[in-house]
């Protein structure tokens, strides 16, 4: 089975490729020569994932999925949420976003947070939604060099290390993205067995 992943984020593509079932041939936007950026104009993580999936499905008429993820911090009213990738500004880096979060968290004692991923699968004109959430907390300072985004400041519940201090294999066993991808793979496997 071929499935297009509606992303140009190479970090996400690498993580999902490690998680996806070998019976699924995953195609990136590069593989289908699609280069325009898909603008994330929706106001929720769920809507952004859906927007990306439908955009590529309507463009290619092929089964595909899109995802969106966000860091939600209790003390910041669940921000940055849908604006996670551009929290410090549209053209800012991961490190700028981390600096902004740590600045906003300076006086906060409640450091509880969660990472959420939504996957929207559009298959034969029908949409299916899969969610992955992992609880955790915000570290006092960045630690680790692996991963991307907010990984250096997110400590999953029950762990002592940030995502960025973990190997990709360990992160993939517990991450929000792996939970959502696991649900996607189970759905596809069940569908193929019918």
N, C-alpha and C. Protein backbone atom coordinates (compact mmCIF):
# COMPACT_ATOMS: atom_id res chain seq x y z
N UNK A 1 0.83 -1.19 0.00
CA UNK A 1 0.00 0.00 0.00
C UNK A 1 0.87 1.25 0.00
N UNK A 2 0.55 2.20 -0.86
CA UNK A 2 1.24 3.49 -0.87
C UNK A 2 0.43 4.51 -0.09
N UNK A 3 1.14 5.34 0.65
CA UNK A 3 0.49 6.36 1.46
C UNK A 3 1.37 7.60 1.46
N UNK A 4 0.80 8.74 1.13
CA UNK A 4 1.57 9.99 1.13
C UNK A 4 1.49 10.62 2.51
N UNK A 5 2.63 11.04 3.02
CA UNK A 5 2.69 11.79 4.28
C UNK A 5 2.82 13.26 3.90
N UNK A 6 1.79 14.04 4.20
CA UNK A 6 1.73 15.45 3.80
C UNK A 6 2.59 16.33 4.71
N UNK A 7 3.90 16.16 4.59
CA UNK A 7 4.81 16.99 5.38
C UNK A 7 6.07 17.28 4.59
N UNK A 8 6.69 18.42 4.91
CA UNK A 8 8.01 18.73 4.38
C UNK A 8 9.02 18.77 5.52
N UNK A 9 8.56 18.42 6.72
CA UNK A 9 9.42 18.39 7.90
C UNK A 9 10.20 17.07 7.91
N UNK A 10 11.50 17.14 7.64
CA UNK A 10 12.33 15.94 7.53
C UNK A 10 12.46 15.20 8.86
N UNK A 11 12.41 15.94 9.98
CA UNK A 11 12.48 15.29 11.30
C UNK A 11 11.25 14.41 11.53
N UNK A 12 10.07 14.95 11.20
CA UNK A 12 8.84 14.17 11.34
C UNK A 12 8.87 12.95 10.42
N UNK A 13 9.30 13.17 9.19
CA UNK A 13 9.36 12.09 8.22
C UNK A 13 10.26 10.96 8.71
N UNK A 14 11.42 11.31 9.28
CA UNK A 14 12.37 10.33 9.81
C UNK A 14 11.72 9.53 10.95
N UNK A 15 11.07 10.24 11.87
CA UNK A 15 10.44 9.55 13.01
C UNK A 15 9.33 8.61 12.55
N UNK A 16 8.47 9.10 11.66
CA UNK A 16 7.33 8.28 11.21
C UNK A 16 7.79 7.09 10.39
N UNK A 17 8.82 7.27 9.58
CA UNK A 17 9.37 6.15 8.79
C UNK A 17 9.83 5.02 9.71
N UNK A 18 10.39 5.37 10.86
CA UNK A 18 10.84 4.35 11.83
C UNK A 18 9.65 3.62 12.47
N UNK A 19 8.50 4.27 12.49
CA UNK A 19 7.33 3.73 13.18
C UNK A 19 6.37 2.96 12.28
N UNK A 20 6.38 3.30 10.99
CA UNK A 20 5.35 2.79 10.09
C UNK A 20 5.61 1.33 9.73
N UNK A 21 4.56 0.62 9.48
CA UNK A 21 4.62 -0.79 9.11
C UNK A 21 5.34 -0.97 7.77
N UNK A 22 6.14 -2.01 7.65
CA UNK A 22 6.91 -2.25 6.42
C UNK A 22 6.04 -2.53 5.21
N UNK A 23 4.79 -2.92 5.44
CA UNK A 23 3.89 -3.19 4.31
C UNK A 23 3.35 -1.91 3.69
N UNK A 24 3.62 -0.77 4.33
CA UNK A 24 3.16 0.52 3.83
C UNK A 24 4.34 1.26 3.20
N UNK A 25 4.19 1.62 1.93
CA UNK A 25 5.22 2.41 1.26
C UNK A 25 4.90 3.88 1.50
N UNK A 26 5.70 4.51 2.33
CA UNK A 26 5.47 5.90 2.70
C UNK A 26 6.13 6.83 1.68
N UNK A 27 5.35 7.71 1.10
CA UNK A 27 5.86 8.70 0.15
C UNK A 27 5.83 10.08 0.80
N UNK A 28 6.91 10.82 0.66
CA UNK A 28 6.95 12.19 1.17
C UNK A 28 6.47 13.14 0.08
N UNK A 29 6.29 14.40 0.43
CA UNK A 29 5.94 15.39 -0.58
C UNK A 29 7.05 15.54 -1.61
N UNK A 30 8.31 15.35 -1.17
CA UNK A 30 9.44 15.37 -2.13
C UNK A 30 9.32 14.24 -3.14
N UNK A 31 8.88 13.06 -2.66
CA UNK A 31 8.74 11.90 -3.55
C UNK A 31 7.72 12.14 -4.66
N UNK A 32 6.72 12.98 -4.38
CA UNK A 32 5.69 13.25 -5.40
C UNK A 32 5.92 14.61 -6.06
N UNK A 33 7.12 15.18 -5.82
CA UNK A 33 7.50 16.48 -6.41
C UNK A 33 6.53 17.60 -6.08
N UNK A 34 6.06 17.59 -4.83
CA UNK A 34 5.19 18.68 -4.37
C UNK A 34 6.03 19.60 -3.49
N UNK A 35 6.29 20.81 -3.96
CA UNK A 35 7.19 21.70 -3.22
C UNK A 35 6.53 22.89 -2.51
N UNK A 36 5.32 23.34 -2.92
CA UNK A 36 4.75 24.49 -2.21
C UNK A 36 4.50 24.18 -0.73
N UNK A 37 4.64 25.18 0.11
CA UNK A 37 4.37 24.98 1.54
C UNK A 37 2.86 24.99 1.75
N UNK A 38 2.38 24.06 2.56
CA UNK A 38 0.96 24.03 2.90
C UNK A 38 0.78 24.94 4.12
N UNK A 39 0.07 26.02 3.94
CA UNK A 39 -0.09 26.99 5.03
C UNK A 39 -1.00 26.44 6.11
N UNK A 40 -0.53 26.52 7.35
CA UNK A 40 -1.30 26.06 8.50
C UNK A 40 -2.12 27.24 9.01
N UNK A 41 -3.32 27.41 8.46
CA UNK A 41 -4.14 28.57 8.77
C UNK A 41 -5.25 28.29 9.78
N UNK A 42 -5.38 27.06 10.21
CA UNK A 42 -6.46 26.69 11.12
C UNK A 42 -6.16 27.14 12.55
N UNK A 43 -7.19 27.13 13.38
CA UNK A 43 -7.04 27.61 14.76
C UNK A 43 -6.88 26.49 15.77
N UNK A 44 -6.88 25.23 15.31
CA UNK A 44 -6.65 24.10 16.23
C UNK A 44 -5.69 23.11 15.57
N UNK A 45 -5.07 22.28 16.42
CA UNK A 45 -4.17 21.22 15.94
C UNK A 45 -4.94 20.25 15.03
N UNK A 46 -6.17 19.90 15.45
CA UNK A 46 -6.99 18.97 14.69
C UNK A 46 -7.29 19.51 13.28
N UNK A 47 -7.67 20.79 13.23
CA UNK A 47 -8.02 21.39 11.94
C UNK A 47 -6.81 21.50 11.01
N UNK A 48 -5.62 21.80 11.57
CA UNK A 48 -4.42 21.88 10.75
C UNK A 48 -4.07 20.53 10.14
N UNK A 49 -4.17 19.47 10.93
CA UNK A 49 -3.88 18.12 10.41
C UNK A 49 -4.84 17.79 9.27
N UNK A 50 -6.10 18.10 9.46
CA UNK A 50 -7.13 17.83 8.46
C UNK A 50 -6.90 18.65 7.20
N UNK A 51 -6.57 19.92 7.38
CA UNK A 51 -6.29 20.83 6.25
C UNK A 51 -5.18 20.27 5.36
N UNK A 52 -4.09 19.81 5.98
CA UNK A 52 -2.95 19.29 5.22
C UNK A 52 -3.32 18.02 4.46
N UNK A 53 -4.02 17.12 5.13
CA UNK A 53 -4.39 15.85 4.50
C UNK A 53 -5.33 16.07 3.31
N UNK A 54 -6.35 16.89 3.50
CA UNK A 54 -7.30 17.13 2.42
C UNK A 54 -6.64 17.89 1.26
N UNK A 55 -5.74 18.80 1.59
CA UNK A 55 -5.05 19.56 0.55
C UNK A 55 -4.30 18.62 -0.40
N UNK A 56 -3.53 17.70 0.17
CA UNK A 56 -2.75 16.78 -0.66
C UNK A 56 -3.65 15.74 -1.33
N UNK A 57 -4.68 15.27 -0.64
CA UNK A 57 -5.61 14.32 -1.25
C UNK A 57 -6.29 14.94 -2.47
N UNK A 58 -6.75 16.18 -2.32
CA UNK A 58 -7.42 16.86 -3.43
C UNK A 58 -6.46 17.16 -4.58
N UNK A 59 -5.18 17.37 -4.24
CA UNK A 59 -4.17 17.66 -5.26
C UNK A 59 -3.75 16.41 -6.04
N UNK A 60 -3.67 15.27 -5.34
CA UNK A 60 -3.13 14.05 -5.94
C UNK A 60 -4.15 12.95 -6.22
N UNK A 61 -5.31 13.01 -5.52
CA UNK A 61 -6.31 11.92 -5.58
C UNK A 61 -5.74 10.60 -5.06
N UNK A 62 -4.73 10.69 -4.19
CA UNK A 62 -4.13 9.50 -3.57
C UNK A 62 -4.35 9.53 -2.06
N UNK A 63 -4.44 8.35 -1.46
CA UNK A 63 -4.60 8.26 -0.01
C UNK A 63 -3.41 8.91 0.67
N UNK A 64 -3.68 9.68 1.70
CA UNK A 64 -2.59 10.38 2.37
C UNK A 64 -2.99 10.71 3.81
N UNK A 65 -1.99 11.14 4.57
CA UNK A 65 -2.28 11.64 5.91
C UNK A 65 -1.43 12.86 6.20
N UNK A 66 -2.00 13.71 7.04
CA UNK A 66 -1.29 14.89 7.51
C UNK A 66 -1.30 14.86 9.03
N UNK A 67 -0.34 15.53 9.62
CA UNK A 67 -0.35 15.57 11.08
C UNK A 67 -0.06 16.99 11.54
N UNK A 68 -0.43 17.25 12.77
CA UNK A 68 -0.01 18.49 13.42
C UNK A 68 0.19 18.14 14.88
N UNK A 69 1.17 18.80 15.47
CA UNK A 69 1.51 18.54 16.86
C UNK A 69 1.65 19.87 17.59
N UNK A 70 1.47 19.82 18.89
CA UNK A 70 1.65 21.02 19.68
C UNK A 70 2.02 20.70 21.11
N UNK A 71 2.75 21.62 21.71
CA UNK A 71 3.07 21.55 23.13
C UNK A 71 2.03 22.38 23.86
N UNK A 72 1.38 21.80 24.85
CA UNK A 72 0.34 22.50 25.62
C UNK A 72 0.78 22.56 27.08
N UNK A 73 0.95 23.79 27.57
CA UNK A 73 1.47 24.00 28.93
C UNK A 73 0.37 24.58 29.81
N UNK A 74 0.08 23.88 30.91
CA UNK A 74 -1.03 24.29 31.80
C UNK A 74 -0.90 25.73 32.27
N UNK A 75 0.27 26.11 32.75
CA UNK A 75 0.46 27.45 33.33
C UNK A 75 0.38 28.56 32.29
N UNK A 76 0.45 28.20 31.01
CA UNK A 76 0.36 29.20 29.93
C UNK A 76 -0.96 29.07 29.18
N UNK A 77 -2.01 28.61 29.89
CA UNK A 77 -3.34 28.44 29.28
C UNK A 77 -3.30 27.55 28.04
N UNK A 78 -2.50 26.49 28.13
CA UNK A 78 -2.35 25.47 27.08
C UNK A 78 -1.65 26.02 25.83
N UNK A 79 -0.96 27.13 25.97
CA UNK A 79 -0.09 27.61 24.88
C UNK A 79 1.23 26.86 24.96
N UNK A 80 2.01 26.83 23.88
CA UNK A 80 1.77 27.44 22.58
C UNK A 80 0.77 26.70 21.70
N UNK A 81 0.44 25.45 21.99
CA UNK A 81 -0.61 24.73 21.26
C UNK A 81 -0.43 24.74 19.76
N UNK A 82 -1.48 25.18 19.06
CA UNK A 82 -1.47 25.17 17.59
C UNK A 82 -0.38 26.09 17.03
N UNK A 83 0.10 27.03 17.84
CA UNK A 83 1.15 27.96 17.39
C UNK A 83 2.55 27.52 17.78
N UNK A 84 2.71 26.26 18.17
CA UNK A 84 4.00 25.76 18.67
C UNK A 84 5.16 26.03 17.72
N UNK A 85 4.99 25.81 16.43
CA UNK A 85 6.09 25.95 15.48
C UNK A 85 6.49 27.41 15.26
N UNK A 86 5.57 28.33 15.55
CA UNK A 86 5.86 29.75 15.31
C UNK A 86 5.57 30.62 16.55
N UNK A 87 5.79 30.04 17.72
CA UNK A 87 5.46 30.72 18.98
C UNK A 87 6.26 32.02 19.15
N UNK A 88 7.50 32.02 18.75
CA UNK A 88 8.35 33.21 18.89
C UNK A 88 8.29 34.10 17.65
N UNK A 89 7.49 33.73 16.66
CA UNK A 89 7.38 34.49 15.42
C UNK A 89 7.48 33.56 14.22
N UNK A 90 6.95 34.00 13.10
CA UNK A 90 6.84 33.15 11.91
C UNK A 90 8.19 32.61 11.43
N UNK A 91 9.22 33.43 11.43
CA UNK A 91 10.51 33.00 10.88
C UNK A 91 11.54 32.69 11.97
N UNK A 92 11.07 32.35 13.16
CA UNK A 92 11.97 32.06 14.28
C UNK A 92 12.32 30.57 14.29
N UNK A 93 13.37 30.24 15.05
CA UNK A 93 13.88 28.87 15.10
C UNK A 93 13.32 28.12 16.31
N UNK A 94 13.62 26.80 16.35
CA UNK A 94 13.25 26.00 17.52
C UNK A 94 13.83 26.61 18.79
N UNK A 95 15.08 27.05 18.71
CA UNK A 95 15.72 27.60 19.91
C UNK A 95 15.08 28.90 20.35
N UNK A 96 14.58 29.71 19.40
CA UNK A 96 13.84 30.93 19.75
C UNK A 96 12.54 30.58 20.46
N UNK A 97 11.85 29.56 19.97
CA UNK A 97 10.59 29.12 20.59
C UNK A 97 10.84 28.62 22.02
N UNK A 98 11.92 27.85 22.20
CA UNK A 98 12.27 27.34 23.53
C UNK A 98 12.57 28.50 24.47
N UNK A 99 13.35 29.47 24.00
CA UNK A 99 13.68 30.63 24.84
C UNK A 99 12.42 31.37 25.29
N UNK A 100 11.47 31.53 24.37
CA UNK A 100 10.21 32.22 24.72
C UNK A 100 9.45 31.43 25.78
N UNK A 101 9.33 30.12 25.61
CA UNK A 101 8.62 29.29 26.60
C UNK A 101 9.29 29.41 27.96
N UNK A 102 10.62 29.27 28.01
CA UNK A 102 11.32 29.33 29.29
C UNK A 102 11.18 30.72 29.93
N UNK A 103 11.16 31.76 29.13
CA UNK A 103 10.95 33.12 29.65
C UNK A 103 9.55 33.24 30.26
N UNK A 104 8.55 32.72 29.54
CA UNK A 104 7.16 32.77 30.03
C UNK A 104 6.98 31.92 31.30
N UNK A 105 7.81 30.89 31.46
CA UNK A 105 7.67 29.97 32.59
C UNK A 105 8.49 30.37 33.81
N UNK A 106 9.27 31.46 33.70
CA UNK A 106 10.19 31.86 34.78
C UNK A 106 9.56 31.89 36.16
N UNK A 107 8.39 32.50 36.27
CA UNK A 107 7.77 32.66 37.58
C UNK A 107 6.72 31.59 37.89
N UNK A 108 6.62 30.58 37.06
CA UNK A 108 5.57 29.56 37.23
C UNK A 108 6.09 28.36 38.04
N UNK A 109 5.27 27.94 38.98
CA UNK A 109 5.62 26.73 39.76
C UNK A 109 5.01 25.48 39.13
N UNK A 110 3.85 25.63 38.50
CA UNK A 110 3.22 24.51 37.80
C UNK A 110 3.89 24.35 36.44
N UNK A 111 4.63 23.26 36.28
CA UNK A 111 5.37 23.04 35.03
C UNK A 111 4.75 21.90 34.20
N UNK A 112 3.51 21.52 34.54
CA UNK A 112 2.84 20.43 33.82
C UNK A 112 2.56 20.82 32.38
N UNK A 113 2.76 19.85 31.50
CA UNK A 113 2.55 20.09 30.07
C UNK A 113 2.21 18.77 29.40
N UNK A 114 1.75 18.88 28.17
CA UNK A 114 1.55 17.67 27.37
C UNK A 114 1.88 17.98 25.92
N UNK A 115 2.33 16.94 25.22
CA UNK A 115 2.53 17.00 23.78
C UNK A 115 1.34 16.28 23.15
N UNK A 116 0.78 16.89 22.11
CA UNK A 116 -0.35 16.26 21.41
C UNK A 116 -0.06 16.19 19.92
N UNK A 117 -0.35 15.05 19.32
CA UNK A 117 -0.28 14.88 17.86
C UNK A 117 -1.65 14.41 17.38
N UNK A 118 -2.10 15.03 16.31
CA UNK A 118 -3.30 14.58 15.61
C UNK A 118 -2.89 14.17 14.21
N UNK A 119 -3.34 12.99 13.79
CA UNK A 119 -3.14 12.53 12.41
C UNK A 119 -4.51 12.47 11.74
N UNK A 120 -4.58 13.08 10.57
CA UNK A 120 -5.78 13.00 9.73
C UNK A 120 -5.42 12.15 8.52
N UNK A 121 -6.08 11.01 8.41
CA UNK A 121 -5.91 10.13 7.26
C UNK A 121 -7.09 10.32 6.32
N UNK A 122 -6.82 10.66 5.07
CA UNK A 122 -7.88 10.74 4.07
C UNK A 122 -7.67 9.58 3.11
N UNK A 123 -8.63 8.66 3.16
CA UNK A 123 -8.53 7.43 2.38
C UNK A 123 -9.82 7.24 1.60
N UNK A 124 -9.69 7.18 0.30
CA UNK A 124 -10.85 6.99 -0.58
C UNK A 124 -11.95 8.00 -0.27
N UNK A 125 -11.53 9.24 -0.01
CA UNK A 125 -12.50 10.32 0.19
C UNK A 125 -13.10 10.42 1.58
N UNK A 126 -12.65 9.56 2.50
CA UNK A 126 -13.17 9.62 3.88
C UNK A 126 -12.03 9.95 4.83
N UNK A 127 -12.35 10.74 5.87
CA UNK A 127 -11.33 11.15 6.84
C UNK A 127 -11.42 10.34 8.12
N UNK A 128 -10.26 9.97 8.65
CA UNK A 128 -10.16 9.24 9.91
C UNK A 128 -9.13 9.98 10.77
N UNK A 129 -9.46 10.19 12.04
CA UNK A 129 -8.61 10.98 12.94
C UNK A 129 -8.01 10.08 14.03
N UNK A 130 -6.71 10.27 14.30
CA UNK A 130 -6.00 9.51 15.34
C UNK A 130 -5.25 10.51 16.23
N UNK A 131 -5.34 10.29 17.55
CA UNK A 131 -4.73 11.23 18.50
C UNK A 131 -3.69 10.53 19.37
N UNK A 132 -2.62 11.23 19.64
CA UNK A 132 -1.61 10.75 20.58
C UNK A 132 -1.26 11.86 21.55
N UNK A 133 -1.31 11.56 22.84
CA UNK A 133 -0.98 12.55 23.88
C UNK A 133 -0.02 11.92 24.87
N UNK A 134 1.02 12.68 25.25
CA UNK A 134 1.90 12.25 26.33
C UNK A 134 2.02 13.38 27.34
N UNK A 135 1.80 13.03 28.60
CA UNK A 135 1.90 14.00 29.68
C UNK A 135 3.36 14.16 30.08
N UNK A 136 3.67 15.30 30.68
CA UNK A 136 5.03 15.53 31.13
C UNK A 136 5.17 16.88 31.81
N UNK A 137 6.38 17.41 31.78
CA UNK A 137 6.64 18.70 32.42
C UNK A 137 7.72 19.44 31.65
N UNK A 138 7.81 20.74 31.93
CA UNK A 138 8.80 21.59 31.27
C UNK A 138 10.05 21.69 32.15
N UNK A 139 11.19 21.38 31.56
CA UNK A 139 12.47 21.45 32.28
C UNK A 139 12.84 22.91 32.54
N UNK A 140 13.73 23.12 33.50
CA UNK A 140 14.19 24.48 33.84
C UNK A 140 15.08 25.05 32.74
N UNK A 141 15.79 24.16 32.03
CA UNK A 141 16.67 24.61 30.94
C UNK A 141 16.78 23.50 29.91
N UNK A 142 17.18 23.84 28.68
CA UNK A 142 17.29 22.81 27.63
C UNK A 142 18.38 21.80 27.96
N UNK A 143 18.08 20.53 27.65
CA UNK A 143 19.05 19.45 27.83
C UNK A 143 18.93 18.47 26.68
N UNK A 144 20.07 18.06 26.13
CA UNK A 144 20.09 17.05 25.07
C UNK A 144 20.21 17.67 23.69
N UNK A 145 20.61 16.82 22.74
CA UNK A 145 20.86 17.30 21.37
C UNK A 145 20.05 16.53 20.32
N UNK A 146 19.29 15.54 20.73
CA UNK A 146 18.51 14.76 19.77
C UNK A 146 17.14 15.40 19.55
N UNK A 147 16.43 14.87 18.57
CA UNK A 147 15.07 15.34 18.33
C UNK A 147 15.02 16.72 17.70
N UNK A 148 13.90 17.39 17.91
CA UNK A 148 13.69 18.71 17.33
C UNK A 148 12.58 19.42 18.11
N UNK A 149 12.29 20.65 17.72
CA UNK A 149 11.22 21.40 18.37
C UNK A 149 11.50 21.62 19.85
N UNK A 150 10.53 21.28 20.68
CA UNK A 150 10.63 21.50 22.12
C UNK A 150 11.23 20.31 22.87
N UNK A 151 11.76 19.33 22.14
CA UNK A 151 12.31 18.12 22.77
C UNK A 151 13.31 18.42 23.89
N UNK A 152 14.17 19.45 23.78
CA UNK A 152 15.15 19.70 24.85
C UNK A 152 14.56 20.17 26.18
N UNK A 153 13.27 20.59 26.18
CA UNK A 153 12.70 21.06 27.45
C UNK A 153 11.50 20.23 27.91
N UNK A 154 11.17 19.15 27.19
CA UNK A 154 10.01 18.34 27.59
C UNK A 154 10.46 17.04 28.23
N UNK A 155 10.05 16.85 29.49
CA UNK A 155 10.36 15.62 30.23
C UNK A 155 9.08 14.80 30.33
N UNK A 156 9.00 13.65 29.66
CA UNK A 156 7.79 12.83 29.74
C UNK A 156 7.56 12.33 31.17
N UNK A 157 6.30 12.20 31.53
CA UNK A 157 5.92 11.71 32.86
C UNK A 157 6.56 10.35 33.12
N UNK A 158 7.15 10.21 34.30
CA UNK A 158 7.79 8.96 34.67
C UNK A 158 9.22 8.82 34.18
N UNK A 159 9.73 9.85 33.50
CA UNK A 159 11.10 9.83 32.97
C UNK A 159 11.93 10.92 33.65
N UNK A 160 13.25 10.76 33.61
CA UNK A 160 14.15 11.79 34.14
C UNK A 160 14.80 12.59 33.02
N UNK A 161 14.76 12.05 31.81
CA UNK A 161 15.42 12.69 30.67
C UNK A 161 14.41 13.45 29.81
N UNK A 162 14.89 14.51 29.15
CA UNK A 162 14.07 15.16 28.15
C UNK A 162 14.04 14.28 26.90
N UNK A 163 13.09 14.57 26.00
CA UNK A 163 13.07 13.85 24.72
C UNK A 163 14.40 13.99 23.99
N UNK A 164 15.02 15.16 24.10
CA UNK A 164 16.28 15.41 23.38
C UNK A 164 17.47 14.65 23.96
N UNK A 165 17.32 14.14 25.19
CA UNK A 165 18.39 13.33 25.80
C UNK A 165 18.22 11.85 25.49
N UNK A 166 17.08 11.48 24.90
CA UNK A 166 16.78 10.08 24.60
C UNK A 166 17.23 9.73 23.19
N UNK A 167 17.48 8.45 22.97
CA UNK A 167 17.72 7.97 21.61
C UNK A 167 16.40 8.03 20.85
N UNK A 168 16.46 8.06 19.53
CA UNK A 168 15.25 8.08 18.71
C UNK A 168 14.39 6.85 19.01
N UNK A 169 15.06 5.71 19.28
CA UNK A 169 14.32 4.47 19.57
C UNK A 169 13.52 4.60 20.86
N UNK A 170 14.15 5.18 21.89
CA UNK A 170 13.45 5.33 23.17
C UNK A 170 12.32 6.34 23.04
N UNK A 171 12.59 7.47 22.40
CA UNK A 171 11.55 8.47 22.22
C UNK A 171 10.37 7.87 21.46
N UNK A 172 10.67 7.09 20.40
CA UNK A 172 9.61 6.50 19.58
C UNK A 172 8.77 5.46 20.32
N UNK A 173 9.29 4.92 21.40
CA UNK A 173 8.50 3.96 22.18
C UNK A 173 7.40 4.65 22.98
N UNK A 174 7.59 5.95 23.30
CA UNK A 174 6.65 6.59 24.23
C UNK A 174 6.03 7.90 23.72
N UNK A 175 6.49 8.42 22.60
CA UNK A 175 6.09 9.78 22.20
C UNK A 175 4.64 9.88 21.74
N UNK A 176 4.14 11.10 21.77
CA UNK A 176 2.81 11.44 21.28
C UNK A 176 2.65 11.03 19.82
N UNK A 177 3.69 11.27 19.02
CA UNK A 177 3.62 10.93 17.59
C UNK A 177 3.55 9.41 17.42
N UNK A 178 4.33 8.67 18.22
CA UNK A 178 4.31 7.21 18.09
C UNK A 178 2.95 6.63 18.50
N UNK A 179 2.29 7.25 19.47
CA UNK A 179 0.95 6.79 19.90
C UNK A 179 -0.03 6.98 18.74
N UNK A 180 -0.01 8.17 18.13
CA UNK A 180 -0.92 8.46 17.02
C UNK A 180 -0.62 7.58 15.81
N UNK A 181 0.67 7.41 15.48
CA UNK A 181 1.05 6.57 14.33
C UNK A 181 0.67 5.12 14.60
N UNK A 182 0.83 4.66 15.84
CA UNK A 182 0.42 3.30 16.20
C UNK A 182 -1.06 3.07 15.92
N UNK A 183 -1.90 4.06 16.25
CA UNK A 183 -3.34 3.95 15.99
C UNK A 183 -3.61 3.93 14.48
N UNK A 184 -2.87 4.75 13.74
CA UNK A 184 -3.00 4.77 12.28
C UNK A 184 -2.64 3.40 11.69
N UNK A 185 -1.51 2.84 12.11
CA UNK A 185 -1.05 1.55 11.60
C UNK A 185 -2.05 0.45 11.95
N UNK A 186 -2.56 0.45 13.18
CA UNK A 186 -3.56 -0.56 13.58
C UNK A 186 -4.80 -0.47 12.70
N UNK A 187 -5.24 0.76 12.43
CA UNK A 187 -6.40 0.97 11.56
C UNK A 187 -6.14 0.40 10.16
N UNK A 188 -4.98 0.71 9.60
CA UNK A 188 -4.65 0.23 8.25
C UNK A 188 -4.50 -1.28 8.21
N UNK A 189 -3.87 -1.86 9.23
CA UNK A 189 -3.72 -3.32 9.28
C UNK A 189 -5.08 -4.02 9.39
N UNK A 190 -5.96 -3.47 10.21
CA UNK A 190 -7.29 -4.04 10.39
C UNK A 190 -8.08 -3.96 9.06
N UNK A 191 -7.95 -2.83 8.41
CA UNK A 191 -8.64 -2.61 7.14
C UNK A 191 -8.14 -3.58 6.08
N UNK A 192 -6.83 -3.81 6.06
CA UNK A 192 -6.24 -4.73 5.06
C UNK A 192 -6.60 -6.18 5.32
N UNK A 193 -6.93 -6.50 6.60
CA UNK A 193 -7.24 -7.90 6.93
C UNK A 193 -8.71 -8.25 6.63
N UNK A 194 -9.51 -7.24 6.32
CA UNK A 194 -10.94 -7.50 6.06
C UNK A 194 -11.15 -8.14 4.69
